[in-house]
């Protein structure tokens, strides 16, 4: 069996556990992570992608163009890839060879989508969850926690669109305080 397709659990005491999580999230840092794919991607400089669910057309087009540039430059992008714009960016990124880290707002998926399988076996995809197996459904509270987790892991942050008063706006304020 391919090692990339075997889930790995990292506890907070594991040497591979990202220290940045403890630095930025302090007591809110997850006690364990579950990973599927290439853990070496955690060592790369990462750009976090965020976008409010409702987004104007001009921001959508600019974000798609930016995703294509990241793909062509080989940048490592980390995101939940949950909003419609983020989902399309993931499709753009997976069409290239750049590394991608997907962080679902729940436990690891039981089935891997077909378009994720080749990047997984090629070693350029990591699926990383800060949730336990009991967290099977995406709910708002888990999405908020996931976005803070993604932001804490990233070296840079790209907000395609921040809707006023949204959870994305609150996240951008939290990042500024770091």
N, C-alpha and C. Protein backbone atom coordinates (compact mmCIF):
# COMPACT_ATOMS: atom_id res chain seq x y z
N UNK A 1 0.85 -1.20 0.00
CA UNK A 1 0.00 0.00 0.00
C UNK A 1 0.88 1.25 0.00
N UNK A 2 0.49 2.24 -0.71
CA UNK A 2 1.21 3.50 -0.80
C UNK A 2 1.14 4.23 0.54
N UNK A 3 2.29 4.64 1.08
CA UNK A 3 2.34 5.33 2.38
C UNK A 3 1.53 6.62 2.37
N UNK A 4 1.43 7.26 1.20
CA UNK A 4 0.67 8.51 1.10
C UNK A 4 -0.82 8.28 1.37
N UNK A 5 -1.28 7.05 1.24
CA UNK A 5 -2.69 6.75 1.41
C UNK A 5 -3.00 6.15 2.77
N UNK A 6 -2.03 6.19 3.67
CA UNK A 6 -2.22 5.70 5.03
C UNK A 6 -2.29 6.89 5.98
N UNK A 7 -3.40 7.06 6.69
CA UNK A 7 -3.49 8.20 7.62
C UNK A 7 -2.44 8.12 8.74
N UNK A 8 -1.96 9.28 9.12
CA UNK A 8 -0.98 9.40 10.19
C UNK A 8 -1.55 10.36 11.24
N UNK A 9 -1.37 10.01 12.51
CA UNK A 9 -1.80 10.88 13.60
C UNK A 9 -0.57 11.54 14.20
N UNK A 10 -0.61 12.86 14.31
CA UNK A 10 0.46 13.62 14.96
C UNK A 10 -0.09 14.19 16.26
N UNK A 11 0.54 13.86 17.36
CA UNK A 11 0.14 14.46 18.63
C UNK A 11 0.96 15.72 18.86
N UNK A 12 0.55 16.52 19.81
CA UNK A 12 1.23 17.79 20.09
C UNK A 12 2.68 17.57 20.53
N UNK A 13 3.03 16.36 20.97
CA UNK A 13 4.40 16.06 21.39
C UNK A 13 5.24 15.46 20.27
N UNK A 14 4.64 15.17 19.14
CA UNK A 14 5.34 14.59 18.00
C UNK A 14 6.29 15.63 17.40
N UNK A 15 7.46 15.20 16.97
CA UNK A 15 8.45 16.12 16.39
C UNK A 15 7.93 16.77 15.10
N UNK A 16 7.03 16.12 14.38
CA UNK A 16 6.49 16.66 13.13
C UNK A 16 5.32 17.62 13.35
N UNK A 17 4.83 17.71 14.59
CA UNK A 17 3.72 18.61 14.89
C UNK A 17 4.21 20.05 14.70
N UNK A 18 3.51 20.85 13.90
CA UNK A 18 3.97 22.22 13.62
C UNK A 18 3.99 23.10 14.87
N UNK A 19 5.16 23.58 15.25
CA UNK A 19 5.30 24.42 16.45
C UNK A 19 4.53 25.74 16.29
N UNK A 20 4.35 26.18 15.06
CA UNK A 20 3.64 27.43 14.81
C UNK A 20 2.21 27.38 15.38
N UNK A 21 1.61 26.20 15.42
CA UNK A 21 0.26 26.08 15.99
C UNK A 21 0.25 26.47 17.45
N UNK A 22 1.23 25.98 18.21
CA UNK A 22 1.31 26.34 19.63
C UNK A 22 1.63 27.82 19.80
N UNK A 23 2.51 28.34 18.94
CA UNK A 23 2.90 29.74 19.03
C UNK A 23 1.72 30.68 18.78
N UNK A 24 0.92 30.38 17.79
CA UNK A 24 -0.16 31.29 17.40
C UNK A 24 -1.49 31.00 18.09
N UNK A 25 -1.76 29.72 18.35
CA UNK A 25 -3.06 29.37 18.92
C UNK A 25 -3.00 29.10 20.42
N UNK A 26 -1.79 28.96 20.96
CA UNK A 26 -1.58 28.75 22.39
C UNK A 26 -2.44 27.58 22.88
N UNK A 27 -3.30 27.81 23.85
CA UNK A 27 -4.10 26.73 24.43
C UNK A 27 -5.19 26.23 23.48
N UNK A 28 -5.47 26.99 22.41
CA UNK A 28 -6.47 26.55 21.43
C UNK A 28 -5.87 25.66 20.34
N UNK A 29 -4.55 25.40 20.41
CA UNK A 29 -3.91 24.53 19.42
C UNK A 29 -4.48 23.12 19.56
N UNK A 30 -4.74 22.46 18.45
CA UNK A 30 -5.28 21.10 18.53
C UNK A 30 -4.28 20.16 19.22
N UNK A 31 -4.80 19.21 19.96
CA UNK A 31 -3.93 18.25 20.65
C UNK A 31 -3.42 17.19 19.70
N UNK A 32 -4.13 16.98 18.59
CA UNK A 32 -3.63 16.04 17.59
C UNK A 32 -4.14 16.43 16.21
N UNK A 33 -3.39 15.98 15.20
CA UNK A 33 -3.74 16.20 13.81
C UNK A 33 -3.79 14.84 13.13
N UNK A 34 -4.63 14.73 12.13
CA UNK A 34 -4.67 13.53 11.31
C UNK A 34 -4.32 13.95 9.90
N UNK A 35 -3.39 13.21 9.30
CA UNK A 35 -2.88 13.60 7.98
C UNK A 35 -2.93 12.43 7.02
N UNK A 36 -3.17 12.77 5.77
CA UNK A 36 -3.12 11.79 4.69
C UNK A 36 -2.36 12.46 3.55
N UNK A 37 -1.23 11.90 3.19
CA UNK A 37 -0.45 12.50 2.12
C UNK A 37 0.96 12.82 2.57
N UNK A 38 1.57 13.76 1.90
CA UNK A 38 2.97 14.11 2.09
C UNK A 38 3.16 15.13 3.22
N UNK A 39 3.60 14.65 4.38
CA UNK A 39 3.83 15.54 5.54
C UNK A 39 4.94 16.55 5.30
N UNK A 40 5.83 16.28 4.35
CA UNK A 40 6.91 17.23 4.05
C UNK A 40 6.37 18.57 3.56
N UNK A 41 5.13 18.60 3.07
CA UNK A 41 4.54 19.85 2.61
C UNK A 41 4.39 20.85 3.76
N UNK A 42 4.32 20.35 4.99
CA UNK A 42 4.22 21.25 6.16
C UNK A 42 5.48 22.11 6.31
N UNK A 43 6.60 21.64 5.75
CA UNK A 43 7.86 22.37 5.88
C UNK A 43 8.02 23.48 4.82
N UNK A 44 7.14 23.50 3.83
CA UNK A 44 7.22 24.51 2.77
C UNK A 44 6.59 25.83 3.21
N UNK A 45 7.03 26.94 2.61
CA UNK A 45 6.30 28.21 2.83
C UNK A 45 4.89 28.04 2.27
N UNK A 46 3.90 28.43 3.05
CA UNK A 46 2.51 28.21 2.68
C UNK A 46 1.73 29.52 2.62
N UNK A 47 0.88 29.63 1.59
CA UNK A 47 -0.03 30.76 1.46
C UNK A 47 -1.43 30.25 1.76
N UNK A 48 -2.08 30.86 2.73
CA UNK A 48 -3.46 30.47 3.06
C UNK A 48 -4.42 31.26 2.19
N UNK A 49 -5.41 30.56 1.64
CA UNK A 49 -6.43 31.16 0.80
C UNK A 49 -7.75 31.17 1.55
N UNK A 50 -8.36 32.35 1.64
CA UNK A 50 -9.66 32.51 2.28
C UNK A 50 -10.56 33.35 1.39
N UNK A 51 -11.85 33.02 1.39
CA UNK A 51 -12.82 33.83 0.65
C UNK A 51 -14.19 33.67 1.29
N UNK A 52 -14.85 34.77 1.54
CA UNK A 52 -16.22 34.70 2.03
C UNK A 52 -17.08 33.97 1.01
N UNK A 53 -18.12 33.33 1.49
CA UNK A 53 -19.00 32.55 0.61
C UNK A 53 -19.61 33.41 -0.49
N UNK A 54 -20.02 34.63 -0.14
CA UNK A 54 -20.56 35.56 -1.13
C UNK A 54 -19.43 36.48 -1.58
N UNK A 55 -19.24 36.53 -2.89
CA UNK A 55 -18.08 37.24 -3.41
C UNK A 55 -18.44 37.92 -4.73
N UNK A 56 -18.04 39.19 -4.92
CA UNK A 56 -18.33 39.87 -6.19
C UNK A 56 -17.52 39.28 -7.34
N UNK A 57 -18.08 39.39 -8.54
CA UNK A 57 -17.46 38.82 -9.73
C UNK A 57 -16.04 39.28 -9.98
N UNK A 58 -15.76 40.56 -9.73
CA UNK A 58 -14.40 41.07 -9.98
C UNK A 58 -13.38 40.37 -9.08
N UNK A 59 -13.76 40.09 -7.84
CA UNK A 59 -12.85 39.40 -6.92
C UNK A 59 -12.70 37.94 -7.33
N UNK A 60 -13.75 37.34 -7.85
CA UNK A 60 -13.70 35.95 -8.28
C UNK A 60 -12.68 35.79 -9.40
N UNK A 61 -12.79 36.61 -10.43
CA UNK A 61 -11.88 36.51 -11.57
C UNK A 61 -10.44 36.77 -11.16
N UNK A 62 -10.22 37.76 -10.32
CA UNK A 62 -8.86 38.06 -9.85
C UNK A 62 -8.28 36.89 -9.06
N UNK A 63 -9.12 36.23 -8.28
CA UNK A 63 -8.65 35.10 -7.47
C UNK A 63 -8.33 33.90 -8.34
N UNK A 64 -9.12 33.65 -9.36
CA UNK A 64 -8.82 32.55 -10.28
C UNK A 64 -7.50 32.81 -10.99
N UNK A 65 -7.28 34.05 -11.41
CA UNK A 65 -6.00 34.40 -12.05
C UNK A 65 -4.85 34.21 -11.07
N UNK A 66 -5.04 34.62 -9.82
CA UNK A 66 -4.00 34.47 -8.81
C UNK A 66 -3.70 32.99 -8.57
N UNK A 67 -4.72 32.17 -8.52
CA UNK A 67 -4.53 30.73 -8.32
C UNK A 67 -3.71 30.12 -9.46
N UNK A 68 -3.98 30.55 -10.67
CA UNK A 68 -3.22 30.06 -11.82
C UNK A 68 -1.75 30.47 -11.71
N UNK A 69 -1.51 31.71 -11.24
CA UNK A 69 -0.12 32.16 -11.05
C UNK A 69 0.56 31.31 -9.98
N UNK A 70 -0.11 31.08 -8.84
CA UNK A 70 0.47 30.23 -7.79
C UNK A 70 0.79 28.85 -8.32
N UNK A 71 -0.16 28.29 -9.09
CA UNK A 71 0.04 26.96 -9.68
C UNK A 71 1.28 26.96 -10.56
N UNK A 72 1.40 27.95 -11.43
CA UNK A 72 2.52 28.01 -12.37
C UNK A 72 3.85 28.28 -11.67
N UNK A 73 3.81 28.98 -10.53
CA UNK A 73 5.02 29.28 -9.76
C UNK A 73 5.38 28.17 -8.79
N UNK A 74 4.51 27.17 -8.63
CA UNK A 74 4.80 26.05 -7.72
C UNK A 74 4.61 26.39 -6.25
N UNK A 75 3.81 27.39 -5.96
CA UNK A 75 3.57 27.79 -4.57
C UNK A 75 2.70 26.77 -3.84
N UNK A 76 2.96 26.59 -2.57
CA UNK A 76 2.15 25.70 -1.73
C UNK A 76 0.98 26.50 -1.16
N UNK A 77 -0.23 26.07 -1.48
CA UNK A 77 -1.43 26.75 -1.02
C UNK A 77 -2.14 25.86 -0.02
N UNK A 78 -2.57 26.47 1.09
CA UNK A 78 -3.31 25.77 2.14
C UNK A 78 -4.66 26.46 2.31
N UNK A 79 -5.70 25.65 2.44
CA UNK A 79 -7.04 26.21 2.59
C UNK A 79 -8.00 25.09 2.97
N UNK A 80 -9.18 25.49 3.37
CA UNK A 80 -10.25 24.53 3.55
C UNK A 80 -10.89 24.20 2.23
N UNK A 81 -10.72 25.08 1.25
CA UNK A 81 -11.30 24.92 -0.09
C UNK A 81 -12.79 24.57 0.01
N UNK A 82 -13.49 25.37 0.81
CA UNK A 82 -14.90 25.08 1.08
C UNK A 82 -15.86 26.04 0.36
N UNK A 83 -15.55 27.33 0.32
CA UNK A 83 -16.45 28.28 -0.36
C UNK A 83 -16.40 28.00 -1.86
N UNK A 84 -17.40 28.46 -2.61
CA UNK A 84 -17.40 28.21 -4.06
C UNK A 84 -16.12 28.71 -4.76
N UNK A 85 -15.65 29.87 -4.39
CA UNK A 85 -14.42 30.39 -5.01
C UNK A 85 -13.23 29.52 -4.64
N UNK A 86 -13.13 29.13 -3.39
CA UNK A 86 -12.02 28.28 -2.95
C UNK A 86 -12.05 26.93 -3.67
N UNK A 87 -13.24 26.36 -3.87
CA UNK A 87 -13.36 25.08 -4.58
C UNK A 87 -12.84 25.19 -6.00
N UNK A 88 -13.17 26.28 -6.68
CA UNK A 88 -12.68 26.45 -8.05
C UNK A 88 -11.17 26.66 -8.06
N UNK A 89 -10.65 27.37 -7.07
CA UNK A 89 -9.20 27.55 -6.97
C UNK A 89 -8.50 26.21 -6.80
N UNK A 90 -9.10 25.32 -6.00
CA UNK A 90 -8.52 23.99 -5.82
C UNK A 90 -8.46 23.26 -7.17
N UNK A 91 -9.52 23.34 -7.95
CA UNK A 91 -9.51 22.69 -9.27
C UNK A 91 -8.38 23.25 -10.14
N UNK A 92 -8.19 24.57 -10.08
CA UNK A 92 -7.11 25.20 -10.85
C UNK A 92 -5.75 24.70 -10.37
N UNK A 93 -5.56 24.67 -9.07
CA UNK A 93 -4.28 24.24 -8.50
C UNK A 93 -3.97 22.77 -8.80
N UNK A 94 -4.98 21.92 -8.73
CA UNK A 94 -4.75 20.49 -8.96
C UNK A 94 -4.43 20.17 -10.42
N UNK A 95 -4.71 21.10 -11.32
CA UNK A 95 -4.38 20.88 -12.73
C UNK A 95 -2.88 21.09 -13.01
N UNK A 96 -2.15 21.59 -12.04
CA UNK A 96 -0.71 21.79 -12.21
C UNK A 96 0.08 20.80 -11.41
N UNK A 97 1.26 21.22 -10.97
CA UNK A 97 2.13 20.33 -10.19
C UNK A 97 2.51 20.95 -8.84
N UNK A 98 1.89 22.06 -8.49
CA UNK A 98 2.24 22.73 -7.23
C UNK A 98 1.66 21.96 -6.04
N UNK A 99 2.29 22.10 -4.87
CA UNK A 99 1.82 21.42 -3.67
C UNK A 99 0.57 22.10 -3.09
N UNK A 100 -0.32 21.29 -2.54
CA UNK A 100 -1.58 21.78 -1.98
C UNK A 100 -1.84 21.07 -0.66
N UNK A 101 -2.31 21.84 0.32
CA UNK A 101 -2.73 21.28 1.61
C UNK A 101 -4.20 21.61 1.79
N UNK A 102 -5.02 20.57 1.90
CA UNK A 102 -6.45 20.71 2.08
C UNK A 102 -6.78 20.41 3.54
N UNK A 103 -7.46 21.35 4.19
CA UNK A 103 -7.85 21.17 5.59
C UNK A 103 -9.37 21.18 5.70
N UNK A 104 -9.99 20.01 5.74
CA UNK A 104 -11.45 19.99 5.85
C UNK A 104 -11.90 20.45 7.23
N UNK A 105 -13.12 20.96 7.30
CA UNK A 105 -13.70 21.41 8.58
C UNK A 105 -14.42 20.23 9.23
N UNK A 106 -13.75 19.10 9.23
CA UNK A 106 -14.25 17.86 9.81
C UNK A 106 -13.09 16.87 9.83
N UNK A 107 -13.37 15.62 10.17
CA UNK A 107 -12.33 14.61 10.14
C UNK A 107 -11.94 14.30 8.69
N UNK A 108 -10.90 13.49 8.52
CA UNK A 108 -10.48 13.13 7.16
C UNK A 108 -11.62 12.45 6.42
N UNK A 109 -11.70 12.68 5.11
CA UNK A 109 -12.75 12.01 4.34
C UNK A 109 -12.52 10.51 4.30
N UNK A 110 -13.59 9.74 4.29
CA UNK A 110 -13.49 8.28 4.18
C UNK A 110 -13.15 7.87 2.75
N UNK A 111 -13.67 8.63 1.79
CA UNK A 111 -13.37 8.38 0.38
C UNK A 111 -12.65 9.59 -0.19
N UNK A 112 -11.63 9.32 -0.95
CA UNK A 112 -10.85 10.39 -1.58
C UNK A 112 -11.45 10.70 -2.95
N UNK A 113 -11.80 11.97 -3.20
CA UNK A 113 -12.33 12.32 -4.53
C UNK A 113 -11.34 11.92 -5.63
N UNK A 114 -11.83 11.49 -6.76
CA UNK A 114 -10.94 11.03 -7.85
C UNK A 114 -9.88 12.05 -8.25
N UNK A 115 -10.23 13.36 -8.27
CA UNK A 115 -9.25 14.37 -8.70
C UNK A 115 -8.18 14.64 -7.64
N UNK A 116 -8.30 14.07 -6.46
CA UNK A 116 -7.28 14.19 -5.42
C UNK A 116 -6.31 13.01 -5.43
N UNK A 117 -6.68 11.90 -6.04
CA UNK A 117 -5.90 10.67 -5.92
C UNK A 117 -4.51 10.76 -6.55
N UNK A 118 -4.41 11.26 -7.76
CA UNK A 118 -3.09 11.36 -8.39
C UNK A 118 -2.18 12.34 -7.64
N UNK A 119 -2.66 13.55 -7.28
CA UNK A 119 -1.79 14.43 -6.50
C UNK A 119 -1.34 13.79 -5.17
N UNK A 120 -2.21 13.00 -4.57
CA UNK A 120 -1.82 12.29 -3.33
C UNK A 120 -0.68 11.32 -3.60
N UNK A 121 -0.84 10.47 -4.60
CA UNK A 121 0.19 9.47 -4.88
C UNK A 121 1.46 10.11 -5.44
N UNK A 122 1.33 11.29 -6.08
CA UNK A 122 2.50 12.02 -6.58
C UNK A 122 3.26 12.74 -5.46
N UNK A 123 2.68 12.80 -4.26
CA UNK A 123 3.35 13.44 -3.14
C UNK A 123 3.20 14.94 -3.09
N UNK A 124 2.23 15.49 -3.81
CA UNK A 124 2.06 16.95 -3.80
C UNK A 124 0.76 17.39 -3.15
N UNK A 125 0.11 16.47 -2.45
CA UNK A 125 -1.12 16.80 -1.75
C UNK A 125 -1.06 16.26 -0.33
N UNK A 126 -1.53 17.08 0.60
CA UNK A 126 -1.67 16.68 1.99
C UNK A 126 -3.07 17.06 2.43
N UNK A 127 -3.79 16.11 2.99
CA UNK A 127 -5.09 16.39 3.59
C UNK A 127 -4.84 16.36 5.09
N UNK A 128 -5.13 17.47 5.75
CA UNK A 128 -4.77 17.65 7.15
C UNK A 128 -5.98 18.10 7.94
N UNK A 129 -6.30 17.34 8.99
CA UNK A 129 -7.47 17.68 9.80
C UNK A 129 -7.06 17.85 11.26
N UNK A 130 -7.66 18.84 11.89
CA UNK A 130 -7.45 19.05 13.33
C UNK A 130 -8.65 18.54 14.13
N UNK A 131 -9.46 17.70 13.49
CA UNK A 131 -10.68 17.19 14.12
C UNK A 131 -10.61 15.67 14.28
N UNK A 132 -11.42 15.14 15.17
CA UNK A 132 -11.45 13.71 15.44
C UNK A 132 -12.46 13.01 14.54
N UNK A 133 -12.47 11.70 14.57
CA UNK A 133 -13.40 10.92 13.74
C UNK A 133 -14.85 11.20 14.06
N UNK A 134 -15.13 11.70 15.26
CA UNK A 134 -16.53 12.00 15.60
C UNK A 134 -17.04 13.27 14.90
N UNK A 135 -16.13 14.09 14.38
CA UNK A 135 -16.50 15.32 13.68
C UNK A 135 -16.64 15.02 12.19
N UNK A 136 -17.77 14.43 11.80
CA UNK A 136 -17.99 13.98 10.43
C UNK A 136 -18.69 15.01 9.55
N UNK A 137 -19.42 15.95 10.15
CA UNK A 137 -20.19 16.91 9.37
C UNK A 137 -19.61 18.31 9.53
N UNK A 138 -19.58 19.04 8.42
CA UNK A 138 -19.11 20.42 8.45
C UNK A 138 -20.21 21.29 9.06
N UNK A 139 -19.87 21.97 10.14
CA UNK A 139 -20.78 22.94 10.75
C UNK A 139 -20.01 24.24 10.93
N UNK A 140 -20.72 25.32 11.15
CA UNK A 140 -20.10 26.64 11.23
C UNK A 140 -18.98 26.70 12.27
N UNK A 141 -19.22 26.15 13.44
CA UNK A 141 -18.21 26.20 14.51
C UNK A 141 -16.91 25.50 14.09
N UNK A 142 -17.03 24.36 13.41
CA UNK A 142 -15.82 23.65 12.96
C UNK A 142 -15.12 24.43 11.85
N UNK A 143 -15.88 25.08 10.97
CA UNK A 143 -15.28 25.88 9.91
C UNK A 143 -14.49 27.05 10.48
N UNK A 144 -15.01 27.67 11.51
CA UNK A 144 -14.30 28.78 12.17
C UNK A 144 -12.99 28.28 12.77
N UNK A 145 -13.05 27.16 13.48
CA UNK A 145 -11.83 26.57 14.08
C UNK A 145 -10.84 26.16 13.01
N UNK A 146 -11.35 25.56 11.93
CA UNK A 146 -10.48 25.14 10.83
C UNK A 146 -9.76 26.34 10.21
N UNK A 147 -10.48 27.44 9.99
CA UNK A 147 -9.87 28.60 9.37
C UNK A 147 -8.78 29.20 10.24
N UNK A 148 -8.99 29.22 11.55
CA UNK A 148 -7.92 29.68 12.46
C UNK A 148 -6.71 28.75 12.39
N UNK A 149 -6.98 27.46 12.29
CA UNK A 149 -5.92 26.44 12.17
C UNK A 149 -5.13 26.67 10.88
N UNK A 150 -5.81 26.85 9.76
CA UNK A 150 -5.16 27.11 8.47
C UNK A 150 -4.32 28.39 8.55
N UNK A 151 -4.91 29.44 9.10
CA UNK A 151 -4.20 30.72 9.22
C UNK A 151 -2.95 30.58 10.08
N UNK A 152 -3.04 29.80 11.16
CA UNK A 152 -1.90 29.62 12.05
C UNK A 152 -0.76 28.87 11.36
N UNK A 153 -1.07 27.98 10.47
CA UNK A 153 -0.03 27.21 9.77
C UNK A 153 0.65 28.00 8.66
N UNK A 154 -0.03 29.01 8.13
CA UNK A 154 0.45 29.70 6.94
C UNK A 154 1.52 30.74 7.22
N UNK A 155 2.34 30.98 6.21
CA UNK A 155 3.36 32.03 6.26
C UNK A 155 2.81 33.34 5.72
N UNK A 156 1.83 33.25 4.83
CA UNK A 156 1.19 34.43 4.24
C UNK A 156 -0.30 34.11 4.08
N UNK A 157 -1.10 35.16 3.98
CA UNK A 157 -2.56 35.01 3.93
C UNK A 157 -3.10 35.82 2.77
N UNK A 158 -3.98 35.19 1.97
CA UNK A 158 -4.60 35.85 0.83
C UNK A 158 -6.11 35.79 1.04
N UNK A 159 -6.72 36.95 1.15
CA UNK A 159 -8.17 37.05 1.30
C UNK A 159 -8.74 37.50 -0.04
N UNK A 160 -9.42 36.60 -0.73
CA UNK A 160 -10.01 36.93 -2.02
C UNK A 160 -11.12 37.96 -1.85
N UNK A 161 -11.91 37.79 -0.78
CA UNK A 161 -12.97 38.74 -0.47
C UNK A 161 -13.35 38.57 0.99
N UNK A 162 -13.53 39.68 1.67
CA UNK A 162 -13.96 39.68 3.06
C UNK A 162 -15.29 40.41 3.13
N UNK A 163 -16.36 39.66 3.35
CA UNK A 163 -17.67 40.29 3.49
C UNK A 163 -17.73 40.99 4.85
N UNK A 164 -18.23 42.22 4.89
CA UNK A 164 -18.32 42.95 6.17
C UNK A 164 -19.12 42.14 7.20
N UNK A 165 -18.57 42.08 8.42
CA UNK A 165 -19.24 41.40 9.52
C UNK A 165 -19.19 39.88 9.45
N UNK A 166 -18.46 39.32 8.50
CA UNK A 166 -18.41 37.87 8.32
C UNK A 166 -17.38 37.23 9.25
N UNK A 167 -17.43 35.90 9.29
CA UNK A 167 -16.41 35.15 10.04
C UNK A 167 -15.03 35.37 9.42
N UNK A 168 -15.00 35.58 8.10
CA UNK A 168 -13.74 35.86 7.42
C UNK A 168 -13.17 37.19 7.90
N UNK A 169 -14.03 38.18 8.14
CA UNK A 169 -13.57 39.47 8.68
C UNK A 169 -13.00 39.29 10.08
N UNK A 170 -13.64 38.49 10.90
CA UNK A 170 -13.14 38.21 12.25
C UNK A 170 -11.79 37.50 12.17
N UNK A 171 -11.65 36.57 11.23
CA UNK A 171 -10.38 35.86 11.06
C UNK A 171 -9.26 36.82 10.68
N UNK A 172 -9.53 37.74 9.76
CA UNK A 172 -8.49 38.69 9.34
C UNK A 172 -8.04 39.55 10.52
N UNK A 173 -8.95 39.88 11.40
CA UNK A 173 -8.59 40.66 12.61
C UNK A 173 -7.74 39.81 13.54
N UNK A 174 -8.06 38.54 13.70
CA UNK A 174 -7.27 37.65 14.55
C UNK A 174 -5.85 37.51 14.02
N UNK A 175 -5.72 37.37 12.71
CA UNK A 175 -4.39 37.25 12.10
C UNK A 175 -3.58 38.51 12.33
N UNK A 176 -4.22 39.66 12.21
CA UNK A 176 -3.53 40.93 12.44
C UNK A 176 -2.98 41.03 13.86
N UNK A 177 -3.66 40.40 14.80
CA UNK A 177 -3.20 40.45 16.19
C UNK A 177 -1.99 39.55 16.45
N UNK A 178 -1.72 38.61 15.54
CA UNK A 178 -0.55 37.75 15.69
C UNK A 178 0.71 38.51 15.36
